[in-house]
Amino acid sequence: MPGGKGHSWKILAVGRGATTAANAEKHLHELGYQNAKVIGADNDKATDDKFIELLKSNDWDGVSIGKSRVLHIFE
């Protein structure tokens, strides 16, 4: 789908751990999804607050929870 409409999608994803999230975001960018943002989630209020802030900050085309789903949906 290079150059297709999907590559302009704004994607927000939540995955476990900062390293995993960074790797997932890098992979999505390599696939051409430059508007993808992936955050590492911890089970705490700070992560909840960050996720809510990000949800409200943009008109996301897609939201995914769980890094394995993110990588498989967009490949």
Protein backbone atom coordinates (compact mmCIF):
# COMPACT_ATOMS: atom_id res chain seq x y z
CA MET A 1 0.00 0.00 0.00
CA PRO A 2 2.94 2.42 -0.40
CA GLY A 3 1.70 5.84 -1.36
CA GLY A 4 -1.87 4.81 -0.57
CA LYS A 5 -4.34 6.68 1.57
CA GLY A 6 -3.56 4.49 4.57
CA HIS A 7 -0.12 5.96 4.91
CA SER A 8 -1.60 9.32 5.87
CA TRP A 9 -3.65 7.73 8.66
CA LYS A 10 -3.08 9.07 12.16
CA ILE A 11 -2.57 5.98 14.31
CA LEU A 12 -2.30 5.89 18.10
CA ALA A 13 -1.22 2.65 19.71
CA VAL A 14 -0.45 1.50 23.22
CA GLY A 15 1.97 -1.32 23.92
CA ARG A 16 3.71 -2.73 26.96
CA GLY A 17 7.01 -1.08 27.82
CA ALA A 18 8.90 1.87 26.37
CA THR A 19 11.33 -0.25 24.33
CA THR A 20 8.56 -2.29 22.74
CA ALA A 21 6.60 0.87 21.96
CA ALA A 22 9.63 2.55 20.39
CA ASN A 23 10.31 -0.52 18.24
CA ALA A 24 6.67 -0.73 17.13
CA GLU A 25 6.60 2.96 16.24
CA LYS A 26 9.85 2.65 14.30
CA HIS A 27 8.47 -0.35 12.41
CA LEU A 28 5.25 1.47 11.51
CA HIS A 29 7.28 4.45 10.28
CA GLU A 30 9.42 2.10 8.17
CA LEU A 31 6.19 0.73 6.65
CA GLY A 32 5.33 4.30 5.66
CA TYR A 33 2.93 5.22 8.47
CA GLN A 34 4.63 8.48 9.41
CA ASN A 35 1.67 9.68 11.51
CA ALA A 36 1.86 6.72 13.90
CA LYS A 37 2.42 7.32 17.61
CA VAL A 38 3.03 4.37 19.94
CA ILE A 39 3.33 4.78 23.70
CA GLY A 40 4.62 2.32 26.27
CA ALA A 41 1.98 1.57 28.86
CA ASP A 42 2.38 0.86 32.54
CA ASN A 43 -0.51 0.01 34.79
CA ASP A 44 -0.56 3.38 36.57
CA LYS A 45 -2.35 6.71 36.65
CA ALA A 46 0.43 8.55 34.81
CA THR A 47 0.06 6.26 31.78
CA ASP A 48 -3.72 6.53 31.93
CA ASP A 49 -3.46 10.34 31.98
CA LYS A 50 -0.98 10.36 29.09
CA PHE A 51 -3.17 8.06 27.01
CA ILE A 52 -6.28 10.18 27.65
CA GLU A 53 -4.35 13.34 26.76
CA LEU A 54 -3.15 11.78 23.50
CA LEU A 55 -6.64 10.52 22.64
CA LYS A 56 -7.96 14.06 23.00
CA SER A 57 -5.03 15.74 21.24
CA ASN A 58 -5.74 14.50 17.73
CA ASP A 59 -8.48 13.20 15.49
CA TRP A 60 -7.02 9.68 15.25
CA ASP A 61 -7.98 7.44 12.33
CA GLY A 62 -7.14 4.33 14.32
CA VAL A 63 -6.36 3.37 17.91
CA SER A 64 -4.86 0.03 18.89
CA ILE A 65 -4.04 -1.48 22.25
CA GLY A 66 -1.37 -4.18 22.23
CA LYS A 67 1.79 -4.04 20.12
CA SER A 68 1.35 -7.35 18.32
CA ARG A 69 -2.00 -6.21 16.95
CA VAL A 70 -0.50 -2.92 15.79
CA LEU A 71 2.26 -4.58 13.80
CA HIS A 72 0.00 -7.18 12.16
CA ILE A 73 -2.89 -4.88 11.29
CA PHE A 74 -0.74 -2.50 9.28
CA GLU A 75 1.63 -4.89 7.51
